[in-house]
Amino acid sequence: MPNIKSAEKRIRQTQRRRVRNRAVKSQVKTSVGKAENLIRAGEVEPARKAVATAISSLDRSAAKGVIHDNAAARRKSRLMKKMNQALAKPAAEPESKKAK
């Protein structure tokens, strides 16, 4: 237990921020997870909307300072990389089927 009044206040502030940050992080993880699941399932249009939502939530969390700007950028990049790979696969598959 803190003995100094300012330390007590700092603990109260930290607890309030932790609760807020947990909610934001949870929302980010949920939106990114949904997007990745749709990408894996091969559902293109729902995946595009989910990726846009995930990117938006990552940007919002970075703006609030919940996650670092570079962490948000890295996660957006990885998500878009998965999306682009998923979009490239269906275009490549019909050509290989025609060749057979």
N, C-alpha and C. Protein backbone atom coordinates (compact mmCIF):
# COMPACT_ATOMS: atom_id res chain seq x y z
N MET A 1 0.84 -1.19 0.00
CA MET A 1 0.00 0.00 0.00
C MET A 1 0.88 1.25 0.00
N PRO A 2 0.49 2.21 -0.83
CA PRO A 2 1.27 3.45 -0.86
C PRO A 2 1.02 4.30 0.37
N ASN A 3 2.05 5.00 0.79
CA ASN A 3 1.93 5.89 1.94
C ASN A 3 1.73 7.33 1.50
N ILE A 4 2.01 7.62 0.25
CA ILE A 4 1.96 9.00 -0.24
C ILE A 4 0.66 9.20 -1.03
N LYS A 5 0.05 10.36 -0.83
CA LYS A 5 -1.23 10.66 -1.44
C LYS A 5 -1.16 10.62 -2.97
N SER A 6 -0.08 11.15 -3.53
CA SER A 6 0.06 11.16 -4.99
C SER A 6 0.21 9.73 -5.54
N ALA A 7 0.82 8.86 -4.76
CA ALA A 7 0.97 7.47 -5.19
C ALA A 7 -0.39 6.76 -5.18
N GLU A 8 -1.23 7.09 -4.21
CA GLU A 8 -2.58 6.53 -4.16
C GLU A 8 -3.38 6.96 -5.39
N LYS A 9 -3.25 8.24 -5.73
CA LYS A 9 -3.95 8.77 -6.90
C LYS A 9 -3.45 8.09 -8.17
N ARG A 10 -2.15 7.91 -8.26
CA ARG A 10 -1.56 7.26 -9.43
C ARG A 10 -2.10 5.84 -9.59
N ILE A 11 -2.29 5.13 -8.50
CA ILE A 11 -2.85 3.78 -8.55
C ILE A 11 -4.28 3.81 -9.08
N ARG A 12 -5.08 4.79 -8.59
CA ARG A 12 -6.46 4.92 -9.06
C ARG A 12 -6.50 5.22 -10.56
N GLN A 13 -5.63 6.10 -11.01
CA GLN A 13 -5.58 6.45 -12.42
C GLN A 13 -5.19 5.25 -13.28
N THR A 14 -4.20 4.53 -12.80
CA THR A 14 -3.71 3.36 -13.54
C THR A 14 -4.80 2.31 -13.68
N GLN A 15 -5.56 2.10 -12.60
CA GLN A 15 -6.63 1.11 -12.65
C GLN A 15 -7.71 1.51 -13.65
N ARG A 16 -8.07 2.80 -13.67
CA ARG A 16 -9.08 3.27 -14.63
C ARG A 16 -8.58 3.08 -16.06
N ARG A 17 -7.33 3.43 -16.30
CA ARG A 17 -6.76 3.29 -17.65
C ARG A 17 -6.68 1.83 -18.07
N ARG A 18 -6.31 0.96 -17.12
CA ARG A 18 -6.17 -0.46 -17.43
C ARG A 18 -7.51 -1.05 -17.90
N VAL A 19 -8.59 -0.66 -17.22
CA VAL A 19 -9.91 -1.17 -17.59
C VAL A 19 -10.28 -0.68 -18.99
N ARG A 20 -10.03 0.61 -19.27
CA ARG A 20 -10.33 1.16 -20.59
C ARG A 20 -9.48 0.49 -21.66
N ASN A 21 -8.20 0.33 -21.39
CA ASN A 21 -7.29 -0.26 -22.37
C ASN A 21 -7.64 -1.71 -22.66
N ARG A 22 -8.08 -2.43 -21.63
CA ARG A 22 -8.47 -3.84 -21.83
C ARG A 22 -9.63 -3.94 -22.79
N ALA A 23 -10.60 -3.04 -22.65
CA ALA A 23 -11.76 -3.06 -23.53
C ALA A 23 -11.35 -2.78 -24.98
N VAL A 24 -10.47 -1.81 -25.17
CA VAL A 24 -10.02 -1.46 -26.52
C VAL A 24 -9.21 -2.60 -27.12
N LYS A 25 -8.29 -3.17 -26.34
CA LYS A 25 -7.46 -4.27 -26.84
C LYS A 25 -8.32 -5.48 -27.20
N SER A 26 -9.32 -5.75 -26.39
CA SER A 26 -10.21 -6.87 -26.65
C SER A 26 -10.96 -6.67 -27.96
N GLN A 27 -11.43 -5.45 -28.19
CA GLN A 27 -12.15 -5.13 -29.42
C GLN A 27 -11.23 -5.29 -30.64
N VAL A 28 -9.98 -4.87 -30.49
CA VAL A 28 -9.01 -4.99 -31.58
C VAL A 28 -8.76 -6.47 -31.89
N LYS A 29 -8.53 -7.25 -30.85
CA LYS A 29 -8.25 -8.68 -31.05
C LYS A 29 -9.43 -9.37 -31.72
N THR A 30 -10.66 -9.01 -31.31
CA THR A 30 -11.85 -9.61 -31.88
C THR A 30 -11.97 -9.28 -33.36
N SER A 31 -11.80 -8.00 -33.71
CA SER A 31 -11.96 -7.60 -35.11
C SER A 31 -10.86 -8.19 -35.99
N VAL A 32 -9.64 -8.23 -35.51
CA VAL A 32 -8.54 -8.82 -36.29
C VAL A 32 -8.76 -10.33 -36.44
N GLY A 33 -9.19 -10.98 -35.38
CA GLY A 33 -9.45 -12.42 -35.44
C GLY A 33 -10.55 -12.77 -36.41
N LYS A 34 -11.64 -11.98 -36.41
CA LYS A 34 -12.73 -12.23 -37.36
C LYS A 34 -12.24 -12.08 -38.79
N ALA A 35 -11.45 -11.04 -39.02
CA ALA A 35 -10.92 -10.81 -40.37
C ALA A 35 -10.05 -11.99 -40.81
N GLU A 36 -9.16 -12.44 -39.93
CA GLU A 36 -8.27 -13.55 -40.28
C GLU A 36 -9.06 -14.83 -40.54
N ASN A 37 -10.10 -15.07 -39.75
CA ASN A 37 -10.92 -16.27 -39.96
C ASN A 37 -11.63 -16.23 -41.31
N LEU A 38 -12.16 -15.05 -41.67
CA LEU A 38 -12.83 -14.93 -42.96
C LEU A 38 -11.84 -15.08 -44.12
N ILE A 39 -10.64 -14.58 -43.94
CA ILE A 39 -9.62 -14.72 -44.98
C ILE A 39 -9.28 -16.20 -45.16
N ARG A 40 -9.10 -16.90 -44.04
CA ARG A 40 -8.78 -18.33 -44.11
C ARG A 40 -9.91 -19.13 -44.75
N ALA A 41 -11.17 -18.69 -44.49
CA ALA A 41 -12.32 -19.40 -45.03
C ALA A 41 -12.49 -19.14 -46.52
N GLY A 42 -11.83 -18.09 -47.02
CA GLY A 42 -11.91 -17.79 -48.44
C GLY A 42 -13.10 -16.95 -48.84
N GLU A 43 -13.77 -16.35 -47.86
CA GLU A 43 -14.92 -15.49 -48.15
C GLU A 43 -14.40 -14.08 -48.41
N VAL A 44 -14.35 -13.71 -49.68
CA VAL A 44 -13.64 -12.49 -50.09
C VAL A 44 -14.35 -11.22 -49.64
N GLU A 45 -15.60 -11.05 -50.01
CA GLU A 45 -16.29 -9.78 -49.70
C GLU A 45 -16.46 -9.55 -48.20
N PRO A 46 -16.93 -10.55 -47.44
CA PRO A 46 -17.01 -10.32 -45.99
C PRO A 46 -15.63 -10.07 -45.37
N ALA A 47 -14.62 -10.71 -45.94
CA ALA A 47 -13.26 -10.52 -45.42
C ALA A 47 -12.79 -9.09 -45.65
N ARG A 48 -13.11 -8.52 -46.81
CA ARG A 48 -12.71 -7.13 -47.09
C ARG A 48 -13.32 -6.17 -46.08
N LYS A 49 -14.61 -6.37 -45.78
CA LYS A 49 -15.27 -5.50 -44.81
C LYS A 49 -14.67 -5.69 -43.42
N ALA A 50 -14.38 -6.94 -43.07
CA ALA A 50 -13.81 -7.23 -41.76
C ALA A 50 -12.40 -6.66 -41.64
N VAL A 51 -11.63 -6.70 -42.72
CA VAL A 51 -10.28 -6.13 -42.71
C VAL A 51 -10.36 -4.62 -42.53
N ALA A 52 -11.30 -3.99 -43.21
CA ALA A 52 -11.46 -2.54 -43.07
C ALA A 52 -11.83 -2.18 -41.63
N THR A 53 -12.69 -2.97 -41.02
CA THR A 53 -13.07 -2.75 -39.62
C THR A 53 -11.88 -2.95 -38.70
N ALA A 54 -11.10 -3.99 -38.96
CA ALA A 54 -9.93 -4.28 -38.12
C ALA A 54 -8.90 -3.17 -38.22
N ILE A 55 -8.67 -2.68 -39.43
CA ILE A 55 -7.70 -1.60 -39.62
C ILE A 55 -8.16 -0.34 -38.90
N SER A 56 -9.45 -0.08 -38.98
CA SER A 56 -10.01 1.08 -38.29
C SER A 56 -9.83 0.97 -36.78
N SER A 57 -10.09 -0.21 -36.24
CA SER A 57 -9.94 -0.39 -34.79
C SER A 57 -8.48 -0.31 -34.37
N LEU A 58 -7.57 -0.80 -35.21
CA LEU A 58 -6.14 -0.68 -34.91
C LEU A 58 -5.71 0.79 -34.91
N ASP A 59 -6.19 1.54 -35.89
CA ASP A 59 -5.86 2.97 -35.95
C ASP A 59 -6.40 3.70 -34.73
N ARG A 60 -7.63 3.38 -34.34
CA ARG A 60 -8.24 4.03 -33.18
C ARG A 60 -7.47 3.72 -31.90
N SER A 61 -7.07 2.47 -31.74
CA SER A 61 -6.35 2.09 -30.52
C SER A 61 -4.97 2.76 -30.48
N ALA A 62 -4.34 2.91 -31.64
CA ALA A 62 -3.04 3.59 -31.69
C ALA A 62 -3.21 5.08 -31.38
N ALA A 63 -4.29 5.67 -31.87
CA ALA A 63 -4.54 7.09 -31.62
C ALA A 63 -4.79 7.34 -30.14
N LYS A 64 -5.42 6.39 -29.47
CA LYS A 64 -5.70 6.53 -28.04
C LYS A 64 -4.47 6.21 -27.19
N GLY A 65 -3.45 5.64 -27.81
CA GLY A 65 -2.24 5.31 -27.07
C GLY A 65 -2.31 3.96 -26.38
N VAL A 66 -3.30 3.16 -26.73
CA VAL A 66 -3.43 1.83 -26.13
C VAL A 66 -2.35 0.90 -26.64
N ILE A 67 -2.10 0.96 -27.96
CA ILE A 67 -0.98 0.23 -28.54
C ILE A 67 -0.09 1.24 -29.26
N HIS A 68 1.15 0.89 -29.47
CA HIS A 68 2.11 1.79 -30.11
C HIS A 68 1.77 1.93 -31.60
N ASP A 69 2.08 3.08 -32.15
CA ASP A 69 1.80 3.34 -33.56
C ASP A 69 2.46 2.30 -34.46
N ASN A 70 3.71 1.96 -34.18
CA ASN A 70 4.41 0.98 -35.01
C ASN A 70 3.80 -0.42 -34.87
N ALA A 71 3.29 -0.74 -33.69
CA ALA A 71 2.65 -2.04 -33.49
C ALA A 71 1.37 -2.12 -34.32
N ALA A 72 0.63 -1.03 -34.35
CA ALA A 72 -0.59 -0.99 -35.16
C ALA A 72 -0.24 -1.12 -36.64
N ALA A 73 0.79 -0.41 -37.07
CA ALA A 73 1.20 -0.47 -38.48
C ALA A 73 1.65 -1.88 -38.85
N ARG A 74 2.39 -2.51 -37.97
CA ARG A 74 2.88 -3.88 -38.22
C ARG A 74 1.71 -4.86 -38.35
N ARG A 75 0.75 -4.73 -37.45
CA ARG A 75 -0.39 -5.64 -37.47
C ARG A 75 -1.27 -5.41 -38.69
N LYS A 76 -1.42 -4.14 -39.10
CA LYS A 76 -2.18 -3.84 -40.31
C LYS A 76 -1.48 -4.42 -41.53
N SER A 77 -0.16 -4.29 -41.56
CA SER A 77 0.61 -4.80 -42.68
C SER A 77 0.47 -6.32 -42.80
N ARG A 78 0.57 -6.99 -41.70
CA ARG A 78 0.45 -8.46 -41.71
C ARG A 78 -0.95 -8.90 -42.15
N LEU A 79 -1.96 -8.15 -41.69
CA LEU A 79 -3.33 -8.48 -42.06
C LEU A 79 -3.55 -8.27 -43.56
N MET A 80 -3.05 -7.17 -44.09
CA MET A 80 -3.20 -6.90 -45.52
C MET A 80 -2.40 -7.91 -46.36
N LYS A 81 -1.27 -8.33 -45.84
CA LYS A 81 -0.47 -9.33 -46.54
C LYS A 81 -1.25 -10.64 -46.67
N LYS A 82 -1.91 -11.05 -45.59
CA LYS A 82 -2.74 -12.26 -45.63
C LYS A 82 -3.89 -12.09 -46.61
N MET A 83 -4.50 -10.90 -46.58
CA MET A 83 -5.64 -10.63 -47.46
C MET A 83 -5.20 -10.68 -48.93
N ASN A 84 -4.08 -10.06 -49.24
CA ASN A 84 -3.60 -10.04 -50.62
C ASN A 84 -3.20 -11.43 -51.10
N GLN A 85 -2.64 -12.24 -50.21
CA GLN A 85 -2.29 -13.61 -50.59
C GLN A 85 -3.55 -14.43 -50.86
N ALA A 86 -4.58 -14.19 -50.06
CA ALA A 86 -5.84 -14.92 -50.26
C ALA A 86 -6.50 -14.50 -51.56
N LEU A 87 -6.38 -13.23 -51.91
CA LEU A 87 -6.97 -12.76 -53.17
C LEU A 87 -6.19 -13.27 -54.37
N ALA A 88 -4.90 -13.46 -54.22
CA ALA A 88 -4.06 -13.93 -55.32
C ALA A 88 -4.28 -15.41 -55.60
N LYS A 89 -4.58 -16.19 -54.59
CA LYS A 89 -4.76 -17.64 -54.77
C LYS A 89 -5.94 -17.98 -55.67
N PRO A 90 -7.15 -17.42 -55.44
CA PRO A 90 -8.26 -17.80 -56.33
C PRO A 90 -8.02 -17.41 -57.78
N ALA A 91 -7.30 -16.32 -58.02
CA ALA A 91 -7.02 -15.91 -59.39
C ALA A 91 -6.04 -16.88 -60.05
N ALA A 92 -5.14 -17.45 -59.28
CA ALA A 92 -4.14 -18.36 -59.83
C ALA A 92 -4.70 -19.77 -60.04
N GLU A 93 -5.68 -20.17 -59.25
CA GLU A 93 -6.21 -21.54 -59.32
C GLU A 93 -6.93 -21.84 -60.63
N PRO A 94 -7.80 -20.97 -61.16
CA PRO A 94 -8.48 -21.34 -62.40
C PRO A 94 -7.52 -21.56 -63.57
N GLU A 95 -6.42 -20.82 -63.62
CA GLU A 95 -5.45 -21.02 -64.69
C GLU A 95 -4.82 -22.40 -64.60
N SER A 96 -4.52 -22.84 -63.38
CA SER A 96 -3.91 -24.15 -63.23
C SER A 96 -4.91 -25.26 -63.58
N LYS A 97 -6.20 -25.02 -63.34
CA LYS A 97 -7.20 -26.01 -63.69
C LYS A 97 -7.37 -26.09 -65.21
N LYS A 98 -7.27 -24.96 -65.88
CA LYS A 98 -7.40 -24.95 -67.34
C LYS A 98 -6.22 -25.66 -67.99
N ALA A 99 -5.06 -25.55 -67.39
CA ALA A 99 -3.85 -26.15 -67.96
C ALA A 99 -3.91 -27.67 -67.92
N LYS A 100 -4.67 -28.23 -66.99
CA LYS A 100 -4.73 -29.70 -66.86
C LYS A 100 -5.55 -30.29 -67.91
